[in-house]
């Protein structure tokens, strides 16, 4: 029985030139882990397996510890995000004003759940707890751009423009 492994989707596996550039910015001190992870996240849009391995070797930190840090902080992701990353705030103010309807519509339109990316790689969706725009509730964001006082109709309009 063969085991299927998760393959890196970065297109750079085996080409460690980019990782070398990132790692060479920092000394191999364990205290630089978060900064290095930030650089990798910015470069690839997520933290691929090969990058975790390179960081582990460079900082002499167990891979499990690096994985633990990545999964602890919500800023980091192990999966590539879509070209359009849509986040719906489900925090109290937004939820009370109907953000769950927006999330439900988003899932219906894109046929994916929070944390997933569409098969074509165009959209990914995320449920967030607060984006700091409670006065504009409910809100959703597309690649960081905030859409306040949102409605299902506004979501449909934005999606239609992106498609």
N, C-alpha and C. Protein backbone atom coordinates (compact mmCIF):
# COMPACT_ATOMS: atom_id res chain seq x y z
N UNK A 1 0.84 -1.18 0.00
CA UNK A 1 0.00 0.00 0.00
C UNK A 1 0.88 1.24 0.00
N UNK A 2 0.77 2.05 -1.03
CA UNK A 2 1.63 3.23 -1.10
C UNK A 2 0.97 4.41 -0.41
N UNK A 3 1.78 5.18 0.25
CA UNK A 3 1.29 6.34 0.99
C UNK A 3 1.50 7.58 0.15
N UNK A 4 0.42 8.33 -0.06
CA UNK A 4 0.52 9.55 -0.84
C UNK A 4 0.93 10.69 0.08
N UNK A 5 2.02 11.34 -0.25
CA UNK A 5 2.51 12.45 0.57
C UNK A 5 2.00 13.76 0.01
N UNK A 6 1.85 14.74 0.91
CA UNK A 6 1.48 16.08 0.46
C UNK A 6 2.64 16.67 -0.31
N UNK A 7 2.37 17.12 -1.50
CA UNK A 7 3.41 17.70 -2.31
C UNK A 7 3.37 19.21 -2.20
N UNK A 8 4.53 19.79 -2.23
CA UNK A 8 4.64 21.24 -2.16
C UNK A 8 4.14 21.83 -3.47
N UNK A 9 3.38 22.92 -3.38
CA UNK A 9 2.82 23.54 -4.56
C UNK A 9 3.53 24.86 -4.91
N UNK A 10 4.68 25.08 -4.30
CA UNK A 10 5.34 26.37 -4.49
C UNK A 10 6.07 26.45 -5.83
N UNK A 11 6.38 25.30 -6.43
CA UNK A 11 7.11 25.31 -7.69
C UNK A 11 8.60 25.55 -7.51
N UNK A 12 9.07 25.61 -6.28
CA UNK A 12 10.48 25.91 -6.03
C UNK A 12 11.22 24.78 -5.32
N UNK A 13 10.56 23.65 -5.10
CA UNK A 13 11.24 22.56 -4.42
C UNK A 13 12.45 22.14 -5.25
N UNK A 14 13.53 21.91 -4.55
CA UNK A 14 14.76 21.55 -5.24
C UNK A 14 15.54 22.78 -5.64
N UNK A 15 14.92 23.94 -5.63
CA UNK A 15 15.58 25.19 -5.96
C UNK A 15 15.68 26.02 -4.69
N UNK A 16 16.66 25.76 -3.90
CA UNK A 16 16.76 26.38 -2.59
C UNK A 16 17.41 27.75 -2.61
N UNK A 17 17.61 28.29 -3.80
CA UNK A 17 18.22 29.61 -3.93
C UNK A 17 17.42 30.67 -3.18
N UNK A 18 16.11 30.65 -3.33
CA UNK A 18 15.25 31.63 -2.66
C UNK A 18 15.31 31.46 -1.16
N UNK A 19 15.28 30.22 -0.70
CA UNK A 19 15.36 29.98 0.74
C UNK A 19 16.72 30.42 1.28
N UNK A 20 17.77 30.18 0.53
CA UNK A 20 19.11 30.62 0.97
C UNK A 20 19.14 32.13 1.13
N UNK A 21 18.53 32.85 0.20
CA UNK A 21 18.49 34.31 0.30
C UNK A 21 17.77 34.74 1.58
N UNK A 22 16.64 34.10 1.86
CA UNK A 22 15.87 34.45 3.06
C UNK A 22 16.67 34.12 4.31
N UNK A 23 17.23 32.92 4.37
CA UNK A 23 17.95 32.50 5.57
C UNK A 23 19.21 33.34 5.80
N UNK A 24 19.86 33.77 4.73
CA UNK A 24 21.09 34.55 4.87
C UNK A 24 20.86 35.95 5.41
N UNK A 25 19.62 36.38 5.46
CA UNK A 25 19.30 37.69 6.05
C UNK A 25 19.51 37.63 7.57
N UNK A 26 19.35 36.44 8.14
CA UNK A 26 19.36 36.25 9.59
C UNK A 26 20.50 35.35 10.04
N UNK A 27 20.95 35.57 11.27
CA UNK A 27 21.91 34.64 11.85
C UNK A 27 21.15 33.36 12.20
N UNK A 28 21.89 32.29 12.42
CA UNK A 28 21.22 31.02 12.71
C UNK A 28 20.88 30.89 14.19
N UNK A 29 20.41 31.97 14.76
CA UNK A 29 19.96 32.02 16.16
C UNK A 29 18.47 31.64 16.20
N UNK A 30 18.12 30.77 17.11
CA UNK A 30 16.74 30.28 17.27
C UNK A 30 15.74 31.42 17.43
N UNK A 31 16.17 32.54 18.02
CA UNK A 31 15.29 33.68 18.23
C UNK A 31 14.80 34.33 16.93
N UNK A 32 15.40 33.97 15.82
CA UNK A 32 15.01 34.54 14.52
C UNK A 32 13.90 33.75 13.83
N UNK A 33 13.39 32.71 14.48
CA UNK A 33 12.40 31.83 13.84
C UNK A 33 11.18 32.60 13.33
N UNK A 34 10.56 33.42 14.15
CA UNK A 34 9.35 34.13 13.73
C UNK A 34 9.63 35.05 12.54
N UNK A 35 10.74 35.77 12.59
CA UNK A 35 11.07 36.67 11.48
C UNK A 35 11.30 35.88 10.18
N UNK A 36 11.96 34.75 10.29
CA UNK A 36 12.19 33.92 9.10
C UNK A 36 10.87 33.39 8.57
N UNK A 37 10.02 32.91 9.46
CA UNK A 37 8.70 32.42 9.02
C UNK A 37 7.91 33.54 8.34
N UNK A 38 7.99 34.75 8.86
CA UNK A 38 7.33 35.89 8.22
C UNK A 38 7.85 36.11 6.81
N UNK A 39 9.16 36.06 6.65
CA UNK A 39 9.77 36.26 5.32
C UNK A 39 9.30 35.17 4.34
N UNK A 40 9.30 33.93 4.82
CA UNK A 40 8.88 32.80 3.97
C UNK A 40 7.41 32.95 3.58
N UNK A 41 6.57 33.30 4.57
CA UNK A 41 5.13 33.51 4.31
C UNK A 41 4.94 34.61 3.26
N UNK A 42 5.67 35.70 3.40
CA UNK A 42 5.56 36.81 2.43
C UNK A 42 5.99 36.35 1.04
N UNK A 43 7.06 35.58 0.99
CA UNK A 43 7.60 35.16 -0.31
C UNK A 43 6.71 34.15 -1.04
N UNK A 44 6.30 33.10 -0.33
CA UNK A 44 5.55 32.02 -0.97
C UNK A 44 4.04 32.16 -0.84
N UNK A 45 3.59 32.96 0.12
CA UNK A 45 2.16 33.07 0.38
C UNK A 45 1.68 32.02 1.38
N UNK A 46 2.55 31.13 1.76
CA UNK A 46 2.32 30.11 2.78
C UNK A 46 3.69 29.56 3.14
N UNK A 47 3.75 28.58 4.04
CA UNK A 47 5.04 28.03 4.43
C UNK A 47 5.13 26.58 3.97
N UNK A 48 5.76 26.37 2.82
CA UNK A 48 5.85 25.00 2.27
C UNK A 48 6.75 24.09 3.10
N UNK A 49 6.56 22.81 2.92
CA UNK A 49 7.30 21.78 3.66
C UNK A 49 8.81 21.95 3.48
N UNK A 50 9.25 22.19 2.25
CA UNK A 50 10.70 22.30 2.03
C UNK A 50 11.29 23.47 2.80
N UNK A 51 10.52 24.56 2.96
CA UNK A 51 10.99 25.71 3.71
C UNK A 51 11.11 25.37 5.19
N UNK A 52 10.15 24.62 5.70
CA UNK A 52 10.21 24.20 7.10
C UNK A 52 11.46 23.36 7.35
N UNK A 53 11.75 22.47 6.42
CA UNK A 53 12.93 21.62 6.55
C UNK A 53 14.20 22.45 6.51
N UNK A 54 14.27 23.40 5.58
CA UNK A 54 15.45 24.27 5.47
C UNK A 54 15.64 25.09 6.75
N UNK A 55 14.56 25.61 7.28
CA UNK A 55 14.63 26.41 8.51
C UNK A 55 15.08 25.53 9.68
N UNK A 56 14.53 24.33 9.75
CA UNK A 56 14.90 23.39 10.80
C UNK A 56 16.40 23.12 10.80
N UNK A 57 16.94 22.88 9.62
CA UNK A 57 18.37 22.61 9.50
C UNK A 57 19.20 23.85 9.81
N UNK A 58 18.76 25.00 9.32
CA UNK A 58 19.51 26.25 9.51
C UNK A 58 19.56 26.67 10.97
N UNK A 59 18.43 26.57 11.67
CA UNK A 59 18.37 27.01 13.06
C UNK A 59 18.62 25.89 14.07
N UNK A 60 18.77 24.67 13.55
CA UNK A 60 18.96 23.49 14.40
C UNK A 60 17.81 23.37 15.41
N UNK A 61 16.60 23.46 14.88
CA UNK A 61 15.37 23.34 15.66
C UNK A 61 14.61 22.14 15.10
N UNK A 62 14.05 21.30 15.95
CA UNK A 62 13.27 20.17 15.43
C UNK A 62 12.11 20.64 14.54
N UNK A 63 11.84 19.92 13.50
CA UNK A 63 10.76 20.24 12.57
C UNK A 63 9.42 20.35 13.31
N UNK A 64 9.22 19.49 14.30
CA UNK A 64 7.97 19.51 15.07
C UNK A 64 7.78 20.84 15.79
N UNK A 65 8.87 21.43 16.27
CA UNK A 65 8.78 22.71 16.96
C UNK A 65 8.40 23.83 15.97
N UNK A 66 8.96 23.77 14.79
CA UNK A 66 8.62 24.76 13.76
C UNK A 66 7.16 24.62 13.36
N UNK A 67 6.72 23.40 13.18
CA UNK A 67 5.31 23.13 12.86
C UNK A 67 4.41 23.69 13.96
N UNK A 68 4.80 23.49 15.21
CA UNK A 68 4.03 23.99 16.34
C UNK A 68 3.88 25.50 16.31
N UNK A 69 4.95 26.20 15.98
CA UNK A 69 4.89 27.67 15.89
C UNK A 69 4.00 28.09 14.73
N UNK A 70 4.14 27.45 13.60
CA UNK A 70 3.33 27.79 12.42
C UNK A 70 1.84 27.61 12.72
N UNK A 71 1.50 26.50 13.36
CA UNK A 71 0.08 26.23 13.62
C UNK A 71 -0.47 27.02 14.80
N UNK A 72 0.40 27.54 15.66
CA UNK A 72 -0.06 28.34 16.79
C UNK A 72 -0.50 29.73 16.33
N UNK A 73 0.25 30.35 15.44
CA UNK A 73 -0.05 31.71 14.99
C UNK A 73 -0.94 31.68 13.76
N UNK A 74 -2.08 32.37 13.84
CA UNK A 74 -3.03 32.35 12.73
C UNK A 74 -2.50 33.07 11.49
N UNK A 75 -1.48 33.88 11.63
CA UNK A 75 -0.91 34.60 10.49
C UNK A 75 -0.25 33.64 9.50
N UNK A 76 0.24 32.52 10.01
CA UNK A 76 0.94 31.56 9.17
C UNK A 76 -0.02 30.51 8.63
N UNK A 77 0.28 30.03 7.44
CA UNK A 77 -0.55 28.99 6.84
C UNK A 77 0.33 27.94 6.17
N UNK A 78 -0.15 26.71 6.20
CA UNK A 78 0.55 25.60 5.57
C UNK A 78 0.02 25.31 4.17
N UNK A 79 -1.07 25.98 3.82
CA UNK A 79 -1.69 25.75 2.52
C UNK A 79 -1.65 27.02 1.69
N UNK A 80 -1.43 26.88 0.39
CA UNK A 80 -1.46 28.07 -0.47
C UNK A 80 -2.85 28.69 -0.46
N UNK A 81 -2.89 30.00 -0.44
CA UNK A 81 -4.17 30.70 -0.52
C UNK A 81 -4.46 31.02 -1.97
N UNK A 82 -5.73 31.27 -2.25
CA UNK A 82 -6.14 31.60 -3.60
C UNK A 82 -5.67 32.99 -4.02
N UNK A 83 -5.80 33.25 -5.29
CA UNK A 83 -5.45 34.58 -5.81
C UNK A 83 -6.26 35.64 -5.06
N UNK A 84 -7.51 35.31 -4.76
CA UNK A 84 -8.37 36.20 -3.98
C UNK A 84 -8.67 35.51 -2.66
N UNK A 85 -8.14 36.08 -1.58
CA UNK A 85 -8.37 35.51 -0.25
C UNK A 85 -9.49 36.31 0.41
N UNK A 86 -10.61 35.64 0.66
CA UNK A 86 -11.79 36.30 1.22
C UNK A 86 -11.97 35.83 2.66
N UNK A 87 -12.05 36.81 3.56
CA UNK A 87 -12.26 36.52 4.97
C UNK A 87 -13.55 37.18 5.42
N UNK A 88 -14.38 36.42 6.12
CA UNK A 88 -15.64 36.94 6.65
C UNK A 88 -15.49 37.00 8.17
N UNK A 89 -15.76 38.17 8.73
CA UNK A 89 -15.69 38.32 10.18
C UNK A 89 -16.93 37.70 10.81
N UNK A 90 -16.69 36.79 11.74
CA UNK A 90 -17.78 36.17 12.50
C UNK A 90 -17.70 36.56 13.97
N UNK A 91 -17.00 37.66 14.25
CA UNK A 91 -16.94 38.19 15.61
C UNK A 91 -18.33 38.65 16.03
N UNK A 92 -18.48 38.97 17.30
CA UNK A 92 -19.80 39.27 17.87
C UNK A 92 -20.55 40.35 17.10
N UNK A 93 -19.94 41.51 16.90
CA UNK A 93 -20.65 42.62 16.24
C UNK A 93 -21.08 42.22 14.83
N UNK A 94 -20.21 41.58 14.09
CA UNK A 94 -20.53 41.18 12.72
C UNK A 94 -21.57 40.06 12.69
N UNK A 95 -21.39 39.11 13.59
CA UNK A 95 -22.31 37.97 13.63
C UNK A 95 -23.73 38.42 13.92
N UNK A 96 -23.88 39.31 14.90
CA UNK A 96 -25.19 39.82 15.28
C UNK A 96 -25.86 40.54 14.11
N UNK A 97 -25.03 41.14 13.26
CA UNK A 97 -25.58 41.89 12.12
C UNK A 97 -25.65 41.07 10.84
N UNK A 98 -25.46 39.75 10.93
CA UNK A 98 -25.73 38.90 9.78
C UNK A 98 -24.57 38.36 8.99
N UNK A 99 -23.36 38.37 9.57
CA UNK A 99 -22.22 37.89 8.79
C UNK A 99 -22.29 36.39 8.47
N UNK A 100 -23.00 35.61 9.27
CA UNK A 100 -23.12 34.18 8.97
C UNK A 100 -23.82 33.97 7.63
N UNK A 101 -24.79 34.81 7.30
CA UNK A 101 -25.47 34.71 5.99
C UNK A 101 -24.48 34.96 4.86
N UNK A 102 -23.56 35.90 5.09
CA UNK A 102 -22.54 36.20 4.09
C UNK A 102 -21.62 34.99 3.91
N UNK A 103 -21.20 34.39 5.02
CA UNK A 103 -20.34 33.20 4.95
C UNK A 103 -21.07 32.06 4.25
N UNK A 104 -22.33 31.85 4.60
CA UNK A 104 -23.10 30.77 3.97
C UNK A 104 -23.18 30.97 2.46
N UNK A 105 -23.41 32.19 2.03
CA UNK A 105 -23.49 32.49 0.60
C UNK A 105 -22.14 32.28 -0.07
N UNK A 106 -21.08 32.69 0.58
CA UNK A 106 -19.73 32.52 0.04
C UNK A 106 -19.42 31.03 -0.16
N UNK A 107 -19.73 30.22 0.84
CA UNK A 107 -19.52 28.78 0.72
C UNK A 107 -20.34 28.19 -0.42
N UNK A 108 -21.58 28.65 -0.54
CA UNK A 108 -22.48 28.17 -1.61
C UNK A 108 -21.95 28.56 -2.99
N UNK A 109 -21.55 29.79 -3.15
CA UNK A 109 -21.07 30.27 -4.45
C UNK A 109 -19.77 29.60 -4.89
N UNK A 110 -18.85 29.44 -3.94
CA UNK A 110 -17.52 28.93 -4.29
C UNK A 110 -17.37 27.42 -4.08
N UNK A 111 -18.35 26.82 -3.40
CA UNK A 111 -18.34 25.39 -3.13
C UNK A 111 -17.09 24.95 -2.37
N UNK A 112 -16.69 25.76 -1.40
CA UNK A 112 -15.59 25.41 -0.49
C UNK A 112 -15.97 25.85 0.92
N UNK A 113 -15.30 25.29 1.88
CA UNK A 113 -15.51 25.62 3.29
C UNK A 113 -14.38 26.55 3.76
N UNK A 114 -14.57 27.22 4.90
CA UNK A 114 -13.48 28.05 5.44
C UNK A 114 -12.20 27.24 5.60
N UNK A 115 -11.10 27.84 5.22
CA UNK A 115 -9.81 27.16 5.27
C UNK A 115 -9.45 26.45 3.99
N UNK A 116 -10.37 26.46 3.01
CA UNK A 116 -10.12 25.77 1.74
C UNK A 116 -9.93 26.76 0.59
N UNK A 117 -9.39 26.23 -0.48
CA UNK A 117 -9.16 27.01 -1.71
C UNK A 117 -9.88 26.30 -2.85
N UNK A 118 -10.47 27.09 -3.75
CA UNK A 118 -11.16 26.49 -4.89
C UNK A 118 -10.17 25.70 -5.74
N UNK A 119 -10.68 24.71 -6.46
CA UNK A 119 -9.82 23.83 -7.26
C UNK A 119 -8.99 24.59 -8.28
N UNK A 120 -9.53 25.70 -8.79
CA UNK A 120 -8.79 26.48 -9.78
C UNK A 120 -7.76 27.41 -9.14
N UNK A 121 -7.72 27.43 -7.79
CA UNK A 121 -6.75 28.26 -7.09
C UNK A 121 -7.08 29.74 -7.07
N UNK A 122 -8.27 30.08 -7.52
CA UNK A 122 -8.63 31.49 -7.63
C UNK A 122 -9.11 32.09 -6.30
N UNK A 123 -9.85 31.32 -5.50
CA UNK A 123 -10.42 31.84 -4.27
C UNK A 123 -10.09 30.95 -3.08
N UNK A 124 -9.84 31.57 -1.95
CA UNK A 124 -9.78 30.86 -0.68
C UNK A 124 -10.61 31.66 0.31
N UNK A 125 -11.20 30.95 1.26
CA UNK A 125 -12.04 31.65 2.23
C UNK A 125 -11.62 31.29 3.65
N UNK A 126 -11.89 32.24 4.54
CA UNK A 126 -11.50 32.09 5.93
C UNK A 126 -12.55 32.76 6.81
N UNK A 127 -12.82 32.15 7.93
CA UNK A 127 -13.67 32.77 8.95
C UNK A 127 -12.73 33.43 9.95
N UNK A 128 -12.95 34.71 10.22
CA UNK A 128 -12.13 35.42 11.19
C UNK A 128 -13.00 35.83 12.37
N UNK A 129 -12.38 36.20 13.45
CA UNK A 129 -13.13 36.59 14.65
C UNK A 129 -13.25 38.09 14.80
N UNK A 130 -12.33 38.86 14.28
CA UNK A 130 -12.45 40.31 14.35
C UNK A 130 -11.41 40.92 13.42
N UNK A 131 -11.84 41.89 12.64
CA UNK A 131 -10.90 42.61 11.78
C UNK A 131 -10.73 44.05 12.26
N UNK A 132 -11.32 44.38 13.39
CA UNK A 132 -11.17 45.71 13.96
C UNK A 132 -12.02 46.77 13.29
N UNK A 133 -13.09 46.36 12.65
CA UNK A 133 -13.97 47.32 11.96
C UNK A 133 -15.41 47.12 12.45
N UNK A 134 -15.58 46.99 13.75
CA UNK A 134 -16.89 46.69 14.32
C UNK A 134 -17.94 47.74 13.98
N UNK A 135 -17.52 48.98 13.82
CA UNK A 135 -18.45 50.05 13.47
C UNK A 135 -19.02 49.90 12.07
N UNK A 136 -18.38 49.06 11.25
CA UNK A 136 -18.83 48.82 9.87
C UNK A 136 -19.51 47.47 9.72
N UNK A 137 -19.78 46.81 10.84
CA UNK A 137 -20.32 45.44 10.82
C UNK A 137 -21.62 45.34 10.01
N UNK A 138 -21.76 44.20 9.32
CA UNK A 138 -20.83 43.10 9.15
C UNK A 138 -19.80 43.42 8.07
N UNK A 139 -18.63 42.78 8.18
CA UNK A 139 -17.57 43.04 7.20
C UNK A 139 -17.02 41.74 6.64
N UNK A 140 -16.48 41.87 5.42
CA UNK A 140 -15.65 40.82 4.84
C UNK A 140 -14.50 41.52 4.15
N UNK A 141 -13.41 40.80 3.94
CA UNK A 141 -12.26 41.38 3.26
C UNK A 141 -11.90 40.53 2.05
N UNK A 142 -11.34 41.18 1.05
CA UNK A 142 -10.77 40.50 -0.11
C UNK A 142 -9.35 41.01 -0.24
N UNK A 143 -8.39 40.10 -0.03
CA UNK A 143 -6.97 40.46 -0.06
C UNK A 143 -6.68 41.68 0.82
N UNK A 144 -7.33 41.72 1.97
CA UNK A 144 -7.09 42.78 2.94
C UNK A 144 -7.95 44.02 2.78
N UNK A 145 -8.64 44.16 1.65
CA UNK A 145 -9.52 45.31 1.45
C UNK A 145 -10.85 45.05 2.17
N UNK A 146 -11.23 45.98 3.03
CA UNK A 146 -12.41 45.80 3.87
C UNK A 146 -13.67 46.27 3.15
N UNK A 147 -14.70 45.44 3.20
CA UNK A 147 -16.03 45.77 2.68
C UNK A 147 -16.96 45.81 3.89
N UNK A 148 -17.36 47.03 4.29
CA UNK A 148 -18.18 47.21 5.48
C UNK A 148 -19.65 47.33 5.16
N UNK A 149 -20.46 47.19 6.22
CA UNK A 149 -21.92 47.20 6.10
C UNK A 149 -22.34 46.26 4.98
N UNK A 150 -21.69 45.09 4.99
CA UNK A 150 -21.83 44.12 3.90
C UNK A 150 -23.18 43.42 3.93
N UNK A 151 -23.56 43.00 2.75
CA UNK A 151 -24.78 42.21 2.56
C UNK A 151 -24.45 41.05 1.63
N UNK A 152 -25.36 40.12 1.54
CA UNK A 152 -25.18 39.01 0.60
C UNK A 152 -25.12 39.57 -0.82
N UNK A 153 -25.93 40.58 -1.10
CA UNK A 153 -25.93 41.20 -2.43
C UNK A 153 -24.58 41.86 -2.74
N UNK A 154 -24.00 42.51 -1.74
CA UNK A 154 -22.68 43.15 -1.92
C UNK A 154 -21.62 42.08 -2.18
N UNK A 155 -21.68 40.97 -1.45
CA UNK A 155 -20.76 39.87 -1.68
C UNK A 155 -20.89 39.35 -3.11
N UNK A 156 -22.13 39.13 -3.56
CA UNK A 156 -22.36 38.64 -4.93
C UNK A 156 -21.78 39.61 -5.95
N UNK A 157 -21.97 40.90 -5.72
CA UNK A 157 -21.46 41.93 -6.63
C UNK A 157 -19.93 41.86 -6.71
N UNK A 158 -19.28 41.76 -5.56
CA UNK A 158 -17.82 41.69 -5.53
C UNK A 158 -17.33 40.42 -6.21
N UNK A 159 -17.96 39.28 -5.92
CA UNK A 159 -17.58 38.02 -6.56
C UNK A 159 -17.75 38.08 -8.07
N UNK A 160 -18.86 38.68 -8.52
CA UNK A 160 -19.10 38.81 -9.96
C UNK A 160 -17.99 39.62 -10.63
N UNK A 161 -17.52 40.66 -9.96
CA UNK A 161 -16.43 41.48 -10.50
C UNK A 161 -15.12 40.70 -10.57
N UNK A 162 -14.88 39.83 -9.58
CA UNK A 162 -13.64 39.06 -9.54
C UNK A 162 -13.64 37.89 -10.51
N UNK A 163 -14.82 37.35 -10.79
CA UNK A 163 -14.92 36.21 -11.71
C UNK A 163 -14.72 36.75 -13.11
